[in-house]
Amino acid sequence: MQYKKFGKRGLFDELNTKENLSKIGNPLERLLRVIDFEMFRPELEENLLNPDHKNKAGAKPYDVVMMF
């Protein structure tokens, strides 16, 4: 399954964003230490994605774990 990608980003954009969020106290980092969100992937993909597409037209779906 291919997922949507973010727009064109610079070489260090993602690293700089993560560092800036960490400096101000990113609550997601604390959640990631406690919860393994990947354990939800099989059930999310089974229930949210439609495997019966007639063709490949249309927008690609976002990553289901990211949306969860």
PDB file of N, CA and C in Angstrom:
ATOM      1  N   MET A   1       0.844  -1.170   0.000  1.00  0.00           N
ATOM      2  CA  MET A   1       0.000   0.000   0.000  1.00  0.00           C
ATOM      3  C   MET A   1       0.890   1.234   0.000  1.00  0.00           C
ATOM      4  N   GLN A   2       0.651   2.136  -0.918  1.00  0.00           N
ATOM      5  CA  GLN A   2       1.387   3.395  -0.938  1.00  0.00           C
ATOM      6  C   GLN A   2       0.548   4.464  -0.258  1.00  0.00           C
ATOM      7  N   TYR A   3       1.205   5.297   0.513  1.00  0.00           N
ATOM      8  CA  TYR A   3       0.527   6.363   1.228  1.00  0.00           C
ATOM      9  C   TYR A   3       0.955   7.709   0.676  1.00  0.00           C
ATOM     10  N   LYS A   4       0.158   8.723   0.954  1.00  0.00           N
ATOM     11  CA  LYS A   4       0.489  10.075   0.517  1.00  0.00           C
ATOM     12  C   LYS A   4       1.797  10.514   1.139  1.00  0.00           C
ATOM     13  N   LYS A   5       2.517  11.291   0.394  1.00  0.00           N
ATOM     14  CA  LYS A   5       3.786  11.837   0.867  1.00  0.00           C
ATOM     15  C   LYS A   5       3.597  13.325   1.153  1.00  0.00           C
ATOM     16  N   PHE A   6       4.440  13.872   1.999  1.00  0.00           N
ATOM     17  CA  PHE A   6       4.416  15.310   2.248  1.00  0.00           C
ATOM     18  C   PHE A   6       5.044  16.008   1.053  1.00  0.00           C
ATOM     19  N   GLY A   7       4.797  17.297   0.925  1.00  0.00           N
ATOM     20  CA  GLY A   7       5.357  18.076  -0.172  1.00  0.00           C
ATOM     21  C   GLY A   7       6.872  18.097  -0.133  1.00  0.00           C
ATOM     22  N   LYS A   8       7.461  18.806  -1.069  1.00  0.00           N
ATOM     23  CA  LYS A   8       8.926  18.886  -1.122  1.00  0.00           C
ATOM     24  C   LYS A   8       9.445  19.550   0.142  1.00  0.00           C
ATOM     25  N   ARG A   9      10.402  18.904   0.745  1.00  0.00           N
ATOM     26  CA  ARG A   9      10.972  19.409   1.988  1.00  0.00           C
ATOM     27  C   ARG A   9      12.472  19.505   1.824  1.00  0.00           C
ATOM     28  N   GLY A  10      13.074  20.394   2.573  1.00  0.00           N
ATOM     29  CA  GLY A  10      14.517  20.557   2.541  1.00  0.00           C
ATOM     30  C   GLY A  10      15.215  19.405   3.242  1.00  0.00           C
ATOM     31  N   LEU A  11      16.523  19.379   3.126  1.00  0.00           N
ATOM     32  CA  LEU A  11      17.335  18.294   3.660  1.00  0.00           C
ATOM     33  C   LEU A  11      17.181  18.134   5.173  1.00  0.00           C
ATOM     34  N   PHE A  12      17.117  19.221   5.905  1.00  0.00           N
ATOM     35  CA  PHE A  12      17.065  19.144   7.367  1.00  0.00           C
ATOM     36  C   PHE A  12      15.721  19.592   7.948  1.00  0.00           C
ATOM     37  N   ASP A  13      14.708  19.790   7.117  1.00  0.00           N
ATOM     38  CA  ASP A  13      13.424  20.300   7.600  1.00  0.00           C
ATOM     39  C   ASP A  13      12.807  19.409   8.673  1.00  0.00           C
ATOM     40  N   GLU A  14      12.774  18.117   8.436  1.00  0.00           N
ATOM     41  CA  GLU A  14      12.146  17.215   9.407  1.00  0.00           C
ATOM     42  C   GLU A  14      12.925  17.184  10.720  1.00  0.00           C
ATOM     43  N   LEU A  15      14.242  17.131  10.629  1.00  0.00           N
ATOM     44  CA  LEU A  15      15.078  17.122  11.828  1.00  0.00           C
ATOM     45  C   LEU A  15      14.881  18.403  12.637  1.00  0.00           C
ATOM     46  N   ASN A  16      14.875  19.538  11.960  1.00  0.00           N
ATOM     47  CA  ASN A  16      14.681  20.815  12.647  1.00  0.00           C
ATOM     48  C   ASN A  16      13.307  20.897  13.301  1.00  0.00           C
ATOM     49  N   THR A  17      12.284  20.394  12.622  1.00  0.00           N
ATOM     50  CA  THR A  17      10.935  20.410  13.178  1.00  0.00           C
ATOM     51  C   THR A  17      10.862  19.569  14.439  1.00  0.00           C
ATOM     52  N   LYS A  18      11.445  18.358  14.400  1.00  0.00           N
ATOM     53  CA  LYS A  18      11.435  17.488  15.579  1.00  0.00           C
ATOM     54  C   LYS A  18      12.186  18.119  16.744  1.00  0.00           C
ATOM     55  N   GLU A  19      13.315  18.733  16.465  1.00  0.00           N
ATOM     56  CA  GLU A  19      14.093  19.390  17.526  1.00  0.00           C
ATOM     57  C   GLU A  19      13.313  20.544  18.148  1.00  0.00           C
ATOM     58  N   ASN A  20      12.664  21.345  17.318  1.00  0.00           N
ATOM     59  CA  ASN A  20      11.892  22.476  17.832  1.00  0.00           C
ATOM     60  C   ASN A  20      10.717  22.002  18.681  1.00  0.00           C
ATOM     61  N   LEU A  21      10.040  20.945  18.244  1.00  0.00           N
ATOM     62  CA  LEU A  21       8.931  20.405  19.027  1.00  0.00           C
ATOM     63  C   LEU A  21       9.421  19.829  20.350  1.00  0.00           C
ATOM     64  N   SER A  22      10.568  19.162  20.338  1.00  0.00           N
ATOM     65  CA  SER A  22      11.127  18.600  21.570  1.00  0.00           C
ATOM     66  C   SER A  22      11.466  19.695  22.573  1.00  0.00           C
ATOM     67  N   LYS A  23      11.974  20.798  22.077  1.00  0.00           N
ATOM     68  CA  LYS A  23      12.350  21.908  22.960  1.00  0.00           C
ATOM     69  C   LYS A  23      11.145  22.484  23.706  1.00  0.00           C
ATOM     70  N   ILE A  24       9.994  22.529  23.028  1.00  0.00           N
ATOM     71  CA  ILE A  24       8.819  23.124  23.671  1.00  0.00           C
ATOM     72  C   ILE A  24       7.976  22.089  24.414  1.00  0.00           C
ATOM     73  N   GLY A  25       8.409  20.823  24.424  1.00  0.00           N
ATOM     74  CA  GLY A  25       7.698  19.791  25.184  1.00  0.00           C
ATOM     75  C   GLY A  25       6.626  19.092  24.375  1.00  0.00           C
ATOM     76  N   ASN A  26       7.013  18.345  23.379  1.00  0.00           N
ATOM     77  CA  ASN A  26       6.094  17.628  22.509  1.00  0.00           C
ATOM     78  C   ASN A  26       5.401  16.493  23.277  1.00  0.00           C
ATOM     79  N   PRO A  27       4.077  16.566  23.494  1.00  0.00           N
ATOM     80  CA  PRO A  27       3.387  15.508  24.231  1.00  0.00           C
ATOM     81  C   PRO A  27       3.361  14.176  23.475  1.00  0.00           C
ATOM     82  N   LEU A  28       3.474  14.214  22.150  1.00  0.00           N
ATOM     83  CA  LEU A  28       3.475  12.975  21.378  1.00  0.00           C
ATOM     84  C   LEU A  28       4.688  12.116  21.712  1.00  0.00           C
ATOM     85  N   GLU A  29       5.816  12.728  22.011  1.00  0.00           N
ATOM     86  CA  GLU A  29       7.007  11.955  22.378  1.00  0.00           C
ATOM     87  C   GLU A  29       6.764  11.150  23.650  1.00  0.00           C
ATOM     88  N   ARG A  30       6.059  11.743  24.606  1.00  0.00           N
ATOM     89  CA  ARG A  30       5.741  11.008  25.841  1.00  0.00           C
ATOM     90  C   ARG A  30       4.789   9.858  25.553  1.00  0.00           C
ATOM     91  N   LEU A  31       3.804  10.085  24.693  1.00  0.00           N
ATOM     92  CA  LEU A  31       2.870   9.015  24.333  1.00  0.00           C
ATOM     93  C   LEU A  31       3.578   7.873  23.613  1.00  0.00           C
ATOM     94  N   LEU A  32       4.503   8.200  22.718  1.00  0.00           N
ATOM     95  CA  LEU A  32       5.209   7.173  21.955  1.00  0.00           C
ATOM     96  C   LEU A  32       6.063   6.276  22.845  1.00  0.00           C
ATOM     97  N   ARG A  33       6.526   6.801  23.971  1.00  0.00           N
ATOM     98  CA  ARG A  33       7.300   5.975  24.904  1.00  0.00           C
ATOM     99  C   ARG A  33       6.412   4.961  25.614  1.00  0.00           C
ATOM    100  N   VAL A  34       5.127   5.255  25.740  1.00  0.00           N
ATOM    101  CA  VAL A  34       4.207   4.408  26.497  1.00  0.00           C
ATOM    102  C   VAL A  34       3.389   3.486  25.593  1.00  0.00           C
ATOM    103  N   ILE A  35       2.977   3.979  24.428  1.00  0.00           N
ATOM    104  CA  ILE A  35       2.060   3.238  23.553  1.00  0.00           C
ATOM    105  C   ILE A  35       2.747   2.877  22.248  1.00  0.00           C
ATOM    106  N   ASP A  36       2.637   1.604  21.853  1.00  0.00           N
ATOM    107  CA  ASP A  36       3.128   1.156  20.551  1.00  0.00           C
ATOM    108  C   ASP A  36       1.963   1.216  19.559  1.00  0.00           C
ATOM    109  N   PHE A  37       1.874   2.308  18.811  1.00  0.00           N
ATOM    110  CA  PHE A  37       0.746   2.502  17.908  1.00  0.00           C
ATOM    111  C   PHE A  37       0.735   1.509  16.748  1.00  0.00           C
ATOM    112  N   GLU A  38       1.887   0.948  16.405  1.00  0.00           N
ATOM    113  CA  GLU A  38       1.955  -0.008  15.296  1.00  0.00           C
ATOM    114  C   GLU A  38       1.144  -1.269  15.580  1.00  0.00           C
ATOM    115  N   MET A  39       0.881  -1.578  16.837  1.00  0.00           N
ATOM    116  CA  MET A  39       0.095  -2.774  17.150  1.00  0.00           C
ATOM    117  C   MET A  39      -1.347  -2.629  16.659  1.00  0.00           C
ATOM    118  N   PHE A  40      -1.786  -1.406  16.382  1.00  0.00           N
ATOM    119  CA  PHE A  40      -3.135  -1.168  15.882  1.00  0.00           C
ATOM    120  C   PHE A  40      -3.225  -1.255  14.357  1.00  0.00           C
ATOM    121  N   ARG A  41      -2.081  -1.266  13.655  1.00  0.00           N
ATOM    122  CA  ARG A  41      -2.074  -1.212  12.193  1.00  0.00           C
ATOM    123  C   ARG A  41      -2.913  -2.307  11.527  1.00  0.00           C
ATOM    124  N   PRO A  42      -2.745  -3.601  11.872  1.00  0.00           N
ATOM    125  CA  PRO A  42      -3.533  -4.626  11.170  1.00  0.00           C
ATOM    126  C   PRO A  42      -5.040  -4.394  11.263  1.00  0.00           C
ATOM    127  N   GLU A  43      -5.522  -4.071  12.438  1.00  0.00           N
ATOM    128  CA  GLU A  43      -6.962  -3.858  12.594  1.00  0.00           C
ATOM    129  C   GLU A  43      -7.426  -2.591  11.885  1.00  0.00           C
ATOM    130  N   LEU A  44      -6.635  -1.539  11.955  1.00  0.00           N
ATOM    131  CA  LEU A  44      -7.000  -0.301  11.270  1.00  0.00           C
ATOM    132  C   LEU A  44      -7.055  -0.500   9.760  1.00  0.00           C
ATOM    133  N   GLU A  45      -6.044  -1.171   9.193  1.00  0.00           N
ATOM    134  CA  GLU A  45      -6.037  -1.394   7.744  1.00  0.00           C
ATOM    135  C   GLU A  45      -7.178  -2.307   7.327  1.00  0.00           C
ATOM    136  N   GLU A  46      -7.477  -3.300   8.147  1.00  0.00           N
ATOM    137  CA  GLU A  46      -8.567  -4.227   7.825  1.00  0.00           C
ATOM    138  C   GLU A  46      -9.915  -3.518   7.800  1.00  0.00           C
ATOM    139  N   ASN A  47     -10.124  -2.595   8.724  1.00  0.00           N
ATOM    140  CA  ASN A  47     -11.433  -1.960   8.855  1.00  0.00           C
ATOM    141  C   ASN A  47     -11.576  -0.625   8.133  1.00  0.00           C
ATOM    142  N   LEU A  48     -10.470   0.044   7.837  1.00  0.00           N
ATOM    143  CA  LEU A  48     -10.576   1.371   7.240  1.00  0.00           C
ATOM    144  C   LEU A  48     -10.265   1.421   5.748  1.00  0.00           C
ATOM    145  N   LEU A  49      -9.404   0.534   5.270  1.00  0.00           N
ATOM    146  CA  LEU A  49      -9.036   0.566   3.856  1.00  0.00           C
ATOM    147  C   LEU A  49      -9.966  -0.323   3.047  1.00  0.00           C
ATOM    148  N   ASN A  50     -10.276   0.118   1.845  1.00  0.00           N
ATOM    149  CA  ASN A  50     -11.150  -0.643   0.959  1.00  0.00           C
ATOM    150  C   ASN A  50     -10.296  -1.379  -0.071  1.00  0.00           C
ATOM    151  N   PRO A  51     -10.092  -2.696   0.090  1.00  0.00           N
ATOM    152  CA  PRO A  51      -9.244  -3.441  -0.850  1.00  0.00           C
ATOM    153  C   PRO A  51      -9.937  -3.758  -2.173  1.00  0.00           C
ATOM    154  N   ASP A  52     -11.231  -3.468  -2.291  1.00  0.00           N
ATOM    155  CA  ASP A  52     -11.997  -3.835  -3.483  1.00  0.00           C
ATOM    156  C   ASP A  52     -12.089  -2.704  -4.498  1.00  0.00           C
ATOM    157  N   HIS A  53     -11.020  -1.930  -4.639  1.00  0.00           N
ATOM    158  CA  HIS A  53     -11.005  -0.854  -5.632  1.00  0.00           C
ATOM    159  C   HIS A  53     -11.040  -1.460  -7.030  1.00  0.00           C
ATOM    160  N   LYS A  54     -11.813  -0.851  -7.912  1.00  0.00           N
ATOM    161  CA  LYS A  54     -11.891  -1.307  -9.299  1.00  0.00           C
ATOM    162  C   LYS A  54     -10.655  -0.888 -10.086  1.00  0.00           C
ATOM    163  N   ASN A  55     -10.075   0.257  -9.726  1.00  0.00           N
ATOM    164  CA  ASN A  55      -8.875   0.728 -10.406  1.00  0.00           C
ATOM    165  C   ASN A  55      -8.026   1.532  -9.429  1.00  0.00           C
ATOM    166  N   LYS A  56      -6.925   2.029  -9.894  1.00  0.00           N
ATOM    167  CA  LYS A  56      -5.985   2.755  -9.033  1.00  0.00           C
ATOM    168  C   LYS A  56      -6.180   4.270  -9.101  1.00  0.00           C
ATOM    169  N   ALA A  57      -7.293   4.730  -9.662  1.00  0.00           N
ATOM    170  CA  ALA A  57      -7.543   6.166  -9.774  1.00  0.00           C
ATOM    171  C   ALA A  57      -7.862   6.757  -8.405  1.00  0.00           C
ATOM    172  N   GLY A  58      -7.696   8.043  -8.295  1.00  0.00           N
ATOM    173  CA  GLY A  58      -8.036   8.731  -7.057  1.00  0.00           C
ATOM    174  C   GLY A  58      -6.826   8.967  -6.179  1.00  0.00           C
ATOM    175  N   ALA A  59      -7.067   9.653  -5.103  1.00  0.00           N
ATOM    176  CA  ALA A  59      -5.990  10.008  -4.179  1.00  0.00           C
ATOM    177  C   ALA A  59      -5.540   8.791  -3.377  1.00  0.00           C
ATOM    178  N   LYS A  60      -4.267   8.738  -3.075  1.00  0.00           N
ATOM    179  CA  LYS A  60      -3.732   7.672  -2.228  1.00  0.00           C
ATOM    180  C   LYS A  60      -4.161   7.940  -0.787  1.00  0.00           C
ATOM    181  N   PRO A  61      -4.390   6.891  -0.020  1.00  0.00           N
ATOM    182  CA  PRO A  61      -4.817   7.111   1.371  1.00  0.00           C
ATOM    183  C   PRO A  61      -3.656   7.566   2.246  1.00  0.00           C
ATOM    184  N   TYR A  62      -3.985   8.256   3.313  1.00  0.00           N
ATOM    185  CA  TYR A  62      -2.982   8.591   4.321  1.00  0.00           C
ATOM    186  C   TYR A  62      -2.684   7.331   5.120  1.00  0.00           C
ATOM    187  N   ASP A  63      -1.534   7.283   5.757  1.00  0.00           N
ATOM    188  CA  ASP A  63      -1.163   6.161   6.610  1.00  0.00           C
ATOM    189  C   ASP A  63      -2.189   6.055   7.741  1.00  0.00           C
ATOM    190  N   VAL A  64      -2.784   4.861   7.911  1.00  0.00           N
ATOM    191  CA  VAL A  64      -3.867   4.696   8.882  1.00  0.00           C
ATOM    192  C   VAL A  64      -3.403   4.915  10.318  1.00  0.00           C
ATOM    193  N   VAL A  65      -2.182   4.545  10.650  1.00  0.00           N
ATOM    194  CA  VAL A  65      -1.681   4.747  12.014  1.00  0.00           C
ATOM    195  C   VAL A  65      -1.471   6.235  12.274  1.00  0.00           C
ATOM    196  N   MET A  66      -1.009   6.966  11.273  1.00  0.00           N
ATOM    197  CA  MET A  66      -0.830   8.405  11.431  1.00  0.00           C
ATOM    198  C   MET A  66      -2.189   9.079  11.669  1.00  0.00           C
ATOM    199  N   MET A  67      -3.212   8.640  10.964  1.00  0.00           N
ATOM    200  CA  MET A  67      -4.533   9.232  11.117  1.00  0.00           C
ATOM    201  C   MET A  67      -5.184   8.833  12.438  1.00  0.00           C
ATOM    202  N   PHE A  68      -4.802   7.674  12.972  1.00  0.00           N
ATOM    203  CA  PHE A  68      -5.353   7.178  14.237  1.00  0.00           C
ATOM    204  C   PHE A  68      -4.841   8.039  15.347  1.00  0.00           C
TER     205      PHE A  68
END
